[in-house]
Amino acid sequence: MNLLQLDDYKEIFQVIEDCRVNGRFINENSTDYKIKEAYNFILQYRQEVKTYFSIIGYTLISEKGYFYFIIEGYETIPKPYVNSYIDYIDIYRFLKLLNTNISSSDGGPYSASDIESRLNGDIELKTMVDKMNFLKKRSTNREAIDSIILRLKNDGFAQSMGNKEEEFLILRSFKFIEDMIEEIEYEL
């Protein structure tokens, strides 16, 4: 592929650009065919895509089953990112207590109703949810579950199953969280 062919791939590049601008992951197991198409395109033209985005100061990061972009030379982590990491430590611990099989390699599907049933009957899960800072404004267990799932979806770690909003898949990019937690545990 050369730069003259970019016009042929304009729609795919628009999807990739949208993911880059919004800090989203491009997942192999996405239910969105446009994301899957972008993943396959990057897989095929990885070096060309990497070179293209390096011109504007971004590095394409390639992990097993997903891609994402980072700004080159990013030296310090802004406070909002640190707070998000803390939130995701809590979310990860909650999900693993809920079901030890939840992972980037076992994407589900999972159901909000099933999670709510477990939360209603498990004091340890309830205690974990009560301690999560980003859930302080919720008033019911269902609102807490919906907030966790929405957070996972908005940040590109989960996706709804077709038109079933209550059912969701864990995407390959969840490995990003798993790796982050593993690195923190290793450092401790």
N, C-alpha and C. Protein backbone atom coordinates (compact mmCIF):
# COMPACT_ATOMS: atom_id res chain seq x y z
N MET A 1 0.85 -1.19 0.00
CA MET A 1 0.00 0.00 0.00
C MET A 1 0.88 1.23 0.00
N ASN A 2 0.54 2.21 -0.80
CA ASN A 2 1.24 3.48 -0.77
C ASN A 2 0.24 4.59 -0.48
N LEU A 3 0.75 5.78 -0.27
CA LEU A 3 -0.13 6.88 0.12
C LEU A 3 -1.15 7.23 -0.95
N LEU A 4 -0.88 6.89 -2.20
CA LEU A 4 -1.84 7.15 -3.27
C LEU A 4 -3.08 6.27 -3.13
N GLN A 5 -2.95 5.14 -2.46
CA GLN A 5 -4.07 4.23 -2.28
C GLN A 5 -4.95 4.60 -1.09
N LEU A 6 -4.56 5.59 -0.32
CA LEU A 6 -5.32 5.96 0.88
C LEU A 6 -6.77 6.27 0.56
N ASP A 7 -7.02 6.89 -0.57
CA ASP A 7 -8.39 7.23 -0.93
C ASP A 7 -9.26 5.98 -1.08
N ASP A 8 -8.64 4.88 -1.50
CA ASP A 8 -9.37 3.62 -1.62
C ASP A 8 -9.81 3.09 -0.25
N TYR A 9 -9.11 3.48 0.78
CA TYR A 9 -9.37 2.98 2.14
C TYR A 9 -9.88 4.09 3.07
N LYS A 10 -10.50 5.10 2.47
CA LYS A 10 -10.92 6.27 3.23
C LYS A 10 -11.85 5.91 4.40
N GLU A 11 -12.80 5.02 4.18
CA GLU A 11 -13.76 4.65 5.23
C GLU A 11 -13.06 3.92 6.39
N ILE A 12 -12.14 3.04 6.05
CA ILE A 12 -11.41 2.31 7.10
C ILE A 12 -10.55 3.28 7.89
N PHE A 13 -9.86 4.19 7.19
CA PHE A 13 -9.02 5.16 7.88
C PHE A 13 -9.85 6.08 8.77
N GLN A 14 -11.09 6.36 8.37
CA GLN A 14 -11.96 7.19 9.21
C GLN A 14 -12.27 6.47 10.53
N VAL A 15 -12.50 5.16 10.46
CA VAL A 15 -12.74 4.37 11.67
C VAL A 15 -11.49 4.35 12.54
N ILE A 16 -10.33 4.12 11.92
CA ILE A 16 -9.07 4.10 12.67
C ILE A 16 -8.81 5.46 13.30
N GLU A 17 -9.04 6.52 12.55
CA GLU A 17 -8.83 7.88 13.06
C GLU A 17 -9.77 8.18 14.23
N ASP A 18 -11.02 7.76 14.12
CA ASP A 18 -11.97 7.95 15.20
C ASP A 18 -11.50 7.24 16.47
N CYS A 19 -10.98 6.04 16.32
CA CYS A 19 -10.45 5.30 17.47
C CYS A 19 -9.24 6.00 18.07
N ARG A 20 -8.36 6.51 17.21
CA ARG A 20 -7.17 7.21 17.70
C ARG A 20 -7.54 8.47 18.46
N VAL A 21 -8.40 9.28 17.86
CA VAL A 21 -8.80 10.55 18.47
C VAL A 21 -9.51 10.34 19.80
N ASN A 22 -10.34 9.31 19.88
CA ASN A 22 -11.13 9.07 21.09
C ASN A 22 -10.48 8.10 22.06
N GLY A 23 -9.25 7.69 21.77
CA GLY A 23 -8.52 6.80 22.68
C GLY A 23 -9.16 5.43 22.80
N ARG A 24 -9.74 4.94 21.71
CA ARG A 24 -10.41 3.64 21.74
C ARG A 24 -9.50 2.55 21.20
N PHE A 25 -9.81 1.34 21.58
CA PHE A 25 -9.08 0.17 21.12
C PHE A 25 -9.72 -0.36 19.85
N ILE A 26 -8.92 -0.98 19.01
CA ILE A 26 -9.40 -1.61 17.79
C ILE A 26 -9.27 -3.11 18.02
N ASN A 27 -10.39 -3.76 18.31
CA ASN A 27 -10.42 -5.14 18.78
C ASN A 27 -10.73 -6.14 17.68
N GLU A 28 -10.02 -7.25 17.74
CA GLU A 28 -10.24 -8.37 16.83
C GLU A 28 -11.62 -8.98 17.04
N ASN A 29 -12.10 -9.04 18.28
CA ASN A 29 -13.36 -9.71 18.57
C ASN A 29 -14.54 -8.74 18.73
N SER A 30 -14.43 -7.56 18.16
CA SER A 30 -15.52 -6.59 18.21
C SER A 30 -16.72 -7.11 17.43
N THR A 31 -17.91 -6.78 17.92
CA THR A 31 -19.12 -7.15 17.20
C THR A 31 -19.44 -6.10 16.13
N ASP A 32 -18.75 -4.97 16.15
CA ASP A 32 -18.92 -3.91 15.16
C ASP A 32 -18.07 -4.27 13.94
N TYR A 33 -18.71 -4.54 12.82
CA TYR A 33 -17.97 -4.99 11.64
C TYR A 33 -16.96 -3.95 11.17
N LYS A 34 -17.22 -2.66 11.38
CA LYS A 34 -16.27 -1.62 10.95
C LYS A 34 -14.98 -1.69 11.77
N ILE A 35 -15.11 -1.96 13.07
CA ILE A 35 -13.92 -2.10 13.92
C ILE A 35 -13.16 -3.36 13.52
N LYS A 36 -13.88 -4.43 13.28
CA LYS A 36 -13.23 -5.68 12.83
C LYS A 36 -12.50 -5.47 11.50
N GLU A 37 -13.14 -4.75 10.60
CA GLU A 37 -12.53 -4.46 9.31
C GLU A 37 -11.26 -3.61 9.49
N ALA A 38 -11.32 -2.64 10.39
CA ALA A 38 -10.15 -1.81 10.68
C ALA A 38 -9.04 -2.66 11.30
N TYR A 39 -9.41 -3.57 12.20
CA TYR A 39 -8.42 -4.46 12.81
C TYR A 39 -7.71 -5.29 11.73
N ASN A 40 -8.48 -5.90 10.85
CA ASN A 40 -7.90 -6.73 9.79
C ASN A 40 -7.03 -5.91 8.84
N PHE A 41 -7.45 -4.67 8.56
CA PHE A 41 -6.67 -3.79 7.71
C PHE A 41 -5.32 -3.49 8.36
N ILE A 42 -5.34 -3.13 9.64
CA ILE A 42 -4.08 -2.83 10.35
C ILE A 42 -3.20 -4.07 10.40
N LEU A 43 -3.82 -5.21 10.63
CA LEU A 43 -3.07 -6.46 10.66
C LEU A 43 -2.33 -6.68 9.34
N GLN A 44 -3.00 -6.37 8.25
CA GLN A 44 -2.41 -6.57 6.92
C GLN A 44 -1.37 -5.50 6.59
N TYR A 45 -1.63 -4.26 6.98
CA TYR A 45 -0.76 -3.13 6.61
C TYR A 45 -0.16 -2.45 7.85
N ARG A 46 0.24 -3.24 8.81
CA ARG A 46 0.71 -2.72 10.10
C ARG A 46 1.80 -1.66 9.95
N GLN A 47 2.85 -1.97 9.19
CA GLN A 47 3.97 -1.03 9.07
C GLN A 47 3.55 0.27 8.39
N GLU A 48 2.73 0.16 7.37
CA GLU A 48 2.27 1.36 6.67
C GLU A 48 1.42 2.24 7.58
N VAL A 49 0.53 1.62 8.35
CA VAL A 49 -0.32 2.37 9.28
C VAL A 49 0.55 3.00 10.37
N LYS A 50 1.51 2.25 10.87
CA LYS A 50 2.43 2.75 11.90
C LYS A 50 3.19 3.97 11.38
N THR A 51 3.71 3.88 10.17
CA THR A 51 4.45 4.99 9.57
C THR A 51 3.54 6.20 9.36
N TYR A 52 2.36 5.96 8.84
CA TYR A 52 1.41 7.04 8.58
C TYR A 52 1.11 7.85 9.85
N PHE A 53 0.83 7.16 10.96
CA PHE A 53 0.46 7.87 12.18
C PHE A 53 1.67 8.41 12.94
N SER A 54 2.85 7.86 12.69
CA SER A 54 4.05 8.40 13.35
C SER A 54 4.36 9.81 12.85
N ILE A 55 3.93 10.11 11.63
CA ILE A 55 4.14 11.44 11.06
C ILE A 55 3.45 12.50 11.90
N ILE A 56 2.30 12.15 12.51
CA ILE A 56 1.58 13.13 13.34
C ILE A 56 1.83 12.91 14.84
N GLY A 57 2.84 12.08 15.16
CA GLY A 57 3.26 11.95 16.55
C GLY A 57 2.60 10.86 17.36
N TYR A 58 2.04 9.85 16.69
CA TYR A 58 1.39 8.75 17.40
C TYR A 58 2.09 7.43 17.09
N THR A 59 2.13 6.57 18.09
CA THR A 59 2.69 5.24 17.93
C THR A 59 1.55 4.24 17.97
N LEU A 60 1.53 3.35 17.00
CA LEU A 60 0.57 2.26 16.98
C LEU A 60 1.12 1.14 17.85
N ILE A 61 0.36 0.77 18.86
CA ILE A 61 0.74 -0.32 19.74
C ILE A 61 -0.03 -1.56 19.32
N SER A 62 0.71 -2.63 19.14
CA SER A 62 0.14 -3.89 18.68
C SER A 62 0.20 -4.91 19.81
N GLU A 63 -0.95 -5.37 20.23
CA GLU A 63 -1.05 -6.42 21.23
C GLU A 63 -1.82 -7.58 20.62
N LYS A 64 -1.81 -8.71 21.29
CA LYS A 64 -2.51 -9.87 20.74
C LYS A 64 -4.03 -9.63 20.80
N GLY A 65 -4.62 -9.44 19.63
CA GLY A 65 -6.06 -9.28 19.54
C GLY A 65 -6.56 -7.85 19.55
N TYR A 66 -5.66 -6.85 19.67
CA TYR A 66 -6.12 -5.46 19.64
C TYR A 66 -4.97 -4.51 19.33
N PHE A 67 -5.34 -3.32 18.87
CA PHE A 67 -4.40 -2.24 18.61
C PHE A 67 -4.89 -0.99 19.34
N TYR A 68 -3.94 -0.09 19.63
CA TYR A 68 -4.30 1.23 20.14
C TYR A 68 -3.15 2.19 19.86
N PHE A 69 -3.40 3.48 20.04
CA PHE A 69 -2.41 4.52 19.75
C PHE A 69 -2.01 5.23 21.04
N ILE A 70 -0.74 5.60 21.11
CA ILE A 70 -0.27 6.47 22.19
C ILE A 70 0.48 7.64 21.57
N ILE A 71 0.55 8.73 22.30
CA ILE A 71 1.30 9.89 21.83
C ILE A 71 2.77 9.62 22.07
N GLU A 72 3.59 9.83 21.05
CA GLU A 72 5.03 9.61 21.18
C GLU A 72 5.61 10.57 22.21
N GLY A 73 6.53 10.06 23.02
CA GLY A 73 7.21 10.90 24.00
C GLY A 73 6.38 11.27 25.21
N TYR A 74 5.31 10.55 25.44
CA TYR A 74 4.44 10.85 26.58
C TYR A 74 5.17 10.45 27.85
N GLU A 75 5.62 11.42 28.63
CA GLU A 75 6.49 11.14 29.76
C GLU A 75 5.75 11.04 31.10
N THR A 76 4.77 11.88 31.32
CA THR A 76 4.07 11.85 32.60
C THR A 76 2.62 11.47 32.37
N ILE A 77 2.06 10.82 33.34
CA ILE A 77 0.66 10.39 33.24
C ILE A 77 -0.21 11.44 33.93
N PRO A 78 -1.15 12.06 33.20
CA PRO A 78 -2.02 13.06 33.82
C PRO A 78 -2.89 12.45 34.92
N LYS A 79 -3.26 13.26 35.90
CA LYS A 79 -4.04 12.80 37.04
C LYS A 79 -5.33 12.07 36.66
N PRO A 80 -6.09 12.53 35.65
CA PRO A 80 -7.31 11.78 35.28
C PRO A 80 -7.01 10.33 34.90
N TYR A 81 -5.86 10.08 34.24
CA TYR A 81 -5.51 8.72 33.89
C TYR A 81 -5.20 7.90 35.13
N VAL A 82 -4.51 8.50 36.09
CA VAL A 82 -4.19 7.80 37.33
C VAL A 82 -5.48 7.42 38.05
N ASN A 83 -6.43 8.35 38.10
CA ASN A 83 -7.73 8.06 38.72
C ASN A 83 -8.45 6.94 37.98
N SER A 84 -8.35 6.93 36.66
CA SER A 84 -8.97 5.85 35.88
C SER A 84 -8.32 4.52 36.20
N TYR A 85 -7.00 4.52 36.37
CA TYR A 85 -6.32 3.27 36.73
C TYR A 85 -6.83 2.76 38.07
N ILE A 86 -7.01 3.64 39.01
CA ILE A 86 -7.52 3.24 40.33
C ILE A 86 -8.92 2.66 40.18
N ASP A 87 -9.76 3.31 39.38
CA ASP A 87 -11.11 2.79 39.13
C ASP A 87 -11.04 1.40 38.52
N TYR A 88 -10.14 1.21 37.57
CA TYR A 88 -10.05 -0.08 36.90
C TYR A 88 -9.46 -1.17 37.78
N ILE A 89 -8.67 -0.83 38.74
CA ILE A 89 -8.22 -1.83 39.72
C ILE A 89 -9.43 -2.35 40.47
N ASP A 90 -10.30 -1.42 40.90
CA ASP A 90 -11.53 -1.82 41.60
C ASP A 90 -12.46 -2.64 40.71
N ILE A 91 -12.64 -2.20 39.46
CA ILE A 91 -13.52 -2.91 38.53
C ILE A 91 -12.97 -4.32 38.28
N TYR A 92 -11.68 -4.42 38.06
CA TYR A 92 -11.05 -5.72 37.79
C TYR A 92 -11.24 -6.67 38.97
N ARG A 93 -10.98 -6.19 40.17
CA ARG A 93 -11.14 -7.03 41.37
C ARG A 93 -12.60 -7.46 41.53
N PHE A 94 -13.53 -6.56 41.26
CA PHE A 94 -14.95 -6.87 41.34
C PHE A 94 -15.32 -7.96 40.33
N LEU A 95 -14.90 -7.78 39.08
CA LEU A 95 -15.23 -8.75 38.04
C LEU A 95 -14.62 -10.12 38.32
N LYS A 96 -13.39 -10.14 38.83
CA LYS A 96 -12.73 -11.41 39.12
C LYS A 96 -13.38 -12.12 40.31
N LEU A 97 -13.85 -11.37 41.30
CA LEU A 97 -14.57 -11.97 42.41
C LEU A 97 -15.92 -12.50 41.93
N LEU A 98 -16.52 -11.77 41.03
CA LEU A 98 -17.80 -12.16 40.45
C LEU A 98 -17.67 -13.46 39.65
N ASN A 99 -16.62 -13.53 38.82
CA ASN A 99 -16.41 -14.70 37.97
C ASN A 99 -14.93 -14.77 37.61
N THR A 100 -14.22 -15.74 38.14
CA THR A 100 -12.77 -15.83 37.91
C THR A 100 -12.42 -16.06 36.44
N ASN A 101 -13.39 -16.47 35.62
CA ASN A 101 -13.12 -16.72 34.20
C ASN A 101 -13.21 -15.47 33.34
N ILE A 102 -13.73 -14.37 33.87
CA ILE A 102 -13.83 -13.15 33.07
C ILE A 102 -12.42 -12.71 32.72
N SER A 103 -12.17 -12.62 31.41
CA SER A 103 -10.84 -12.22 30.94
C SER A 103 -10.90 -11.81 29.48
N SER A 104 -9.78 -11.34 28.98
CA SER A 104 -9.71 -10.96 27.57
C SER A 104 -9.80 -12.19 26.67
N SER A 105 -9.46 -13.35 27.19
CA SER A 105 -9.52 -14.55 26.37
C SER A 105 -10.87 -15.27 26.48
N ASP A 106 -11.65 -15.00 27.54
CA ASP A 106 -13.00 -15.55 27.67
C ASP A 106 -13.96 -14.38 27.74
N GLY A 107 -14.40 -13.93 26.57
CA GLY A 107 -15.17 -12.70 26.49
C GLY A 107 -16.63 -12.78 26.85
N GLY A 108 -17.13 -13.94 27.14
CA GLY A 108 -18.53 -14.01 27.54
C GLY A 108 -19.38 -14.64 26.49
N PRO A 109 -20.64 -14.32 26.42
CA PRO A 109 -21.32 -13.12 26.89
C PRO A 109 -21.67 -13.18 28.38
N TYR A 110 -21.85 -11.98 28.92
CA TYR A 110 -22.25 -11.82 30.31
C TYR A 110 -23.54 -11.00 30.36
N SER A 111 -24.27 -11.15 31.44
CA SER A 111 -25.57 -10.51 31.57
C SER A 111 -25.60 -9.61 32.80
N ALA A 112 -26.12 -8.40 32.63
CA ALA A 112 -26.26 -7.47 33.75
C ALA A 112 -27.18 -8.04 34.82
N SER A 113 -28.23 -8.74 34.41
CA SER A 113 -29.17 -9.34 35.38
C SER A 113 -28.48 -10.40 36.23
N ASP A 114 -27.64 -11.22 35.59
CA ASP A 114 -26.91 -12.25 36.35
C ASP A 114 -25.97 -11.60 37.37
N ILE A 115 -25.29 -10.54 36.94
CA ILE A 115 -24.37 -9.84 37.84
C ILE A 115 -25.14 -9.22 38.99
N GLU A 116 -26.30 -8.63 38.68
CA GLU A 116 -27.12 -8.02 39.72
C GLU A 116 -27.58 -9.07 40.73
N SER A 117 -27.99 -10.23 40.25
CA SER A 117 -28.42 -11.31 41.15
C SER A 117 -27.30 -11.70 42.11
N ARG A 118 -26.09 -11.84 41.56
CA ARG A 118 -24.94 -12.17 42.40
C ARG A 118 -24.65 -11.07 43.41
N LEU A 119 -24.72 -9.83 42.96
CA LEU A 119 -24.44 -8.69 43.84
C LEU A 119 -25.46 -8.62 44.96
N ASN A 120 -26.73 -8.87 44.66
CA ASN A 120 -27.77 -8.81 45.68
C ASN A 120 -27.57 -9.86 46.78
N GLY A 121 -26.90 -10.96 46.46
CA GLY A 121 -26.75 -12.04 47.43
C GLY A 121 -25.36 -12.21 48.00
N ASP A 122 -24.41 -11.35 47.66
CA ASP A 122 -23.03 -11.52 48.09
C ASP A 122 -22.53 -10.27 48.81
N ILE A 123 -22.32 -10.38 50.09
CA ILE A 123 -21.91 -9.23 50.92
C ILE A 123 -20.54 -8.71 50.51
N GLU A 124 -19.63 -9.61 50.16
CA GLU A 124 -18.28 -9.18 49.77
C GLU A 124 -18.32 -8.34 48.48
N LEU A 125 -19.13 -8.77 47.51
CA LEU A 125 -19.29 -7.98 46.28
C LEU A 125 -19.92 -6.63 46.58
N LYS A 126 -20.94 -6.64 47.43
CA LYS A 126 -21.63 -5.39 47.81
C LYS A 126 -20.67 -4.42 48.49
N THR A 127 -19.80 -4.93 49.36
CA THR A 127 -18.81 -4.09 50.04
C THR A 127 -17.85 -3.48 49.02
N MET A 128 -17.43 -4.27 48.04
CA MET A 128 -16.53 -3.76 47.00
C MET A 128 -17.18 -2.62 46.22
N VAL A 129 -18.43 -2.82 45.84
CA VAL A 129 -19.15 -1.79 45.08
C VAL A 129 -19.30 -0.52 45.91
N ASP A 130 -19.59 -0.66 47.18
CA ASP A 130 -19.76 0.50 48.06
C ASP A 130 -18.48 1.32 48.19
N LYS A 131 -17.33 0.68 48.00
CA LYS A 131 -16.05 1.38 48.14
C LYS A 131 -15.55 2.01 46.84
N MET A 132 -16.20 1.74 45.72
CA MET A 132 -15.75 2.30 44.43
C MET A 132 -16.12 3.78 44.34
N ASN A 133 -15.10 4.62 44.21
CA ASN A 133 -15.31 6.07 44.18
C ASN A 133 -16.21 6.54 43.05
N PHE A 134 -16.06 5.97 41.87
CA PHE A 134 -16.83 6.47 40.74
C PHE A 134 -18.30 6.03 40.81
N LEU A 135 -18.67 5.19 41.80
CA LEU A 135 -20.05 4.75 41.95
C LEU A 135 -20.76 5.42 43.12
N LYS A 136 -20.18 6.44 43.68
CA LYS A 136 -20.75 7.08 44.87
C LYS A 136 -22.16 7.64 44.65
N LYS A 137 -22.49 8.05 43.45
CA LYS A 137 -23.79 8.69 43.20
C LYS A 137 -24.90 7.71 42.86
N ARG A 138 -24.61 6.45 42.80
CA ARG A 138 -25.65 5.46 42.46
C ARG A 138 -26.47 5.15 43.71
N SER A 139 -27.72 4.73 43.49
CA SER A 139 -28.57 4.45 44.65
C SER A 139 -29.01 2.99 44.72
N THR A 140 -28.90 2.25 43.62
CA THR A 140 -29.31 0.84 43.63
C THR A 140 -28.18 -0.03 43.10
N ASN A 141 -28.27 -1.32 43.37
CA ASN A 141 -27.27 -2.25 42.84
C ASN A 141 -27.30 -2.25 41.30
N ARG A 142 -28.49 -2.15 40.73
CA ARG A 142 -28.60 -2.17 39.27
C ARG A 142 -27.91 -0.94 38.67
N GLU A 143 -28.06 0.21 39.31
CA GLU A 143 -27.38 1.41 38.82
C GLU A 143 -25.87 1.23 38.87
N ALA A 144 -25.38 0.57 39.91
CA ALA A 144 -23.94 0.31 40.04
C ALA A 144 -23.47 -0.60 38.91
N ILE A 145 -24.20 -1.67 38.67
CA ILE A 145 -23.85 -2.61 37.60
C ILE A 145 -23.87 -1.91 36.25
N ASP A 146 -24.94 -1.15 36.00
CA ASP A 146 -25.04 -0.43 34.73
C ASP A 146 -23.89 0.56 34.56
N SER A 147 -23.46 1.21 35.64
CA SER A 147 -22.34 2.16 35.59
C SER A 147 -21.03 1.45 35.27
N ILE A 148 -20.81 0.30 35.87
CA ILE A 148 -19.59 -0.47 35.60
C ILE A 148 -19.57 -0.93 34.14
N ILE A 149 -20.68 -1.47 33.67
CA ILE A 149 -20.75 -1.95 32.29
C ILE A 149 -20.60 -0.78 31.30
N LEU A 150 -21.26 0.33 31.58
CA LEU A 150 -21.14 1.50 30.72
C LEU A 150 -19.70 2.00 30.67
N ARG A 151 -19.03 2.00 31.80
CA ARG A 151 -17.63 2.42 31.86
C ARG A 151 -16.77 1.50 31.00
N LEU A 152 -16.98 0.19 31.12
CA LEU A 152 -16.23 -0.77 30.31
C LEU A 152 -16.49 -0.53 28.82
N LYS A 153 -17.75 -0.28 28.47
CA LYS A 153 -18.10 -0.06 27.06
C LYS A 153 -17.50 1.25 26.55
N ASN A 154 -17.67 2.33 27.31
CA ASN A 154 -17.17 3.64 26.88
C ASN A 154 -15.66 3.66 26.70
N ASP A 155 -14.96 2.90 27.51
CA ASP A 155 -13.50 2.88 27.43
C ASP A 155 -12.97 1.80 26.50
N GLY A 156 -13.87 1.08 25.84
CA GLY A 156 -13.46 0.13 24.81
C GLY A 156 -13.06 -1.24 25.30
N PHE A 157 -13.51 -1.62 26.50
CA PHE A 157 -13.17 -2.93 27.05
C PHE A 157 -14.33 -3.92 26.97
N ALA A 158 -15.51 -3.45 26.61
CA ALA A 158 -16.69 -4.31 26.50
C ALA A 158 -17.58 -3.75 25.39
N GLN A 159 -18.51 -4.59 24.94
CA GLN A 159 -19.41 -4.18 23.87
C GLN A 159 -20.73 -4.93 24.03
N SER A 160 -21.82 -4.23 23.72
CA SER A 160 -23.14 -4.87 23.76
C SER A 160 -23.23 -5.97 22.73
N MET A 161 -24.06 -6.95 23.03
CA MET A 161 -24.31 -8.06 22.11
C MET A 161 -25.45 -7.67 21.18
N GLY A 162 -25.14 -7.23 19.98
CA GLY A 162 -26.17 -6.86 19.01
C GLY A 162 -27.11 -5.82 19.58
N ASN A 163 -28.41 -6.13 19.57
CA ASN A 163 -29.39 -5.19 20.10
C ASN A 163 -29.77 -5.50 21.55
N LYS A 164 -29.04 -6.41 22.17
CA LYS A 164 -29.30 -6.77 23.57
C LYS A 164 -28.39 -5.93 24.48
N GLU A 165 -28.90 -4.80 24.93
CA GLU A 165 -28.10 -3.90 25.76
C GLU A 165 -27.66 -4.54 27.06
N GLU A 166 -28.46 -5.46 27.58
CA GLU A 166 -28.15 -6.05 28.88
C GLU A 166 -27.01 -7.06 28.79
N GLU A 167 -26.83 -7.68 27.64
CA GLU A 167 -25.76 -8.66 27.46
C GLU A 167 -24.56 -7.97 26.83
N PHE A 168 -23.37 -8.37 27.30
CA PHE A 168 -22.16 -7.74 26.78
C PHE A 168 -21.03 -8.75 26.67
N LEU A 169 -20.06 -8.39 25.83
CA LEU A 169 -18.84 -9.16 25.64
C LEU A 169 -17.67 -8.39 26.23
N ILE A 170 -16.72 -9.12 26.79
CA ILE A 170 -15.45 -8.52 27.17
C ILE A 170 -14.55 -8.61 25.94
N LEU A 171 -13.97 -7.49 25.53
CA LEU A 171 -13.15 -7.45 24.33
C LEU A 171 -11.70 -7.79 24.61
N ARG A 172 -10.94 -8.06 23.55
CA ARG A 172 -9.52 -8.41 23.70
C ARG A 172 -8.73 -7.31 24.39
N SER A 173 -9.16 -6.05 24.23
CA SER A 173 -8.45 -4.93 24.85
C SER A 173 -8.49 -4.98 26.38
N PHE A 174 -9.35 -5.81 26.95
CA PHE A 174 -9.38 -5.98 28.41
C PHE A 174 -8.02 -6.48 28.90
N LYS A 175 -7.23 -7.06 28.00
CA LYS A 175 -5.87 -7.50 28.33
C LYS A 175 -5.03 -6.32 28.80
N PHE A 176 -5.33 -5.13 28.31
CA PHE A 176 -4.64 -3.91 28.75
C PHE A 176 -4.79 -3.75 30.26
N ILE A 177 -6.01 -3.97 30.76
CA ILE A 177 -6.27 -3.87 32.21
C ILE A 177 -5.57 -5.02 32.93
N GLU A 178 -5.69 -6.22 32.40
CA GLU A 178 -5.04 -7.38 33.03
C GLU A 178 -3.54 -7.16 33.15
N ASP A 179 -2.92 -6.66 32.08
CA ASP A 179 -1.48 -6.40 32.11
C ASP A 179 -1.12 -5.31 33.11
N MET A 180 -1.95 -4.26 33.18
CA MET A 180 -1.72 -3.18 34.11
C MET A 180 -1.77 -3.70 35.55
N ILE A 181 -2.77 -4.51 35.87
CA ILE A 181 -2.91 -5.06 37.22
C ILE A 181 -1.74 -5.98 37.53
N GLU A 182 -1.37 -6.81 36.57
CA GLU A 182 -0.24 -7.73 36.77
C GLU A 182 1.05 -6.96 37.03
N GLU A 183 1.24 -5.86 36.29
CA GLU A 183 2.45 -5.05 36.48
C GLU A 183 2.46 -4.40 37.86
N ILE A 184 1.30 -3.91 38.30
CA ILE A 184 1.22 -3.29 39.62
C ILE A 184 1.49 -4.33 40.70
N GLU A 185 0.90 -5.51 40.57
CA GLU A 185 1.14 -6.57 41.55
C GLU A 185 2.60 -6.98 41.56
N TYR A 186 3.24 -7.00 40.38
CA TYR A 186 4.65 -7.37 40.30
C TYR A 186 5.51 -6.33 41.01
N GLU A 187 5.18 -5.04 40.82
CA GLU A 187 5.93 -3.96 41.45
C GLU A 187 5.82 -3.99 42.96
N LEU A 188 4.66 -4.42 43.47
CA LEU A 188 4.46 -4.47 44.91
C LEU A 188 5.22 -5.64 45.49
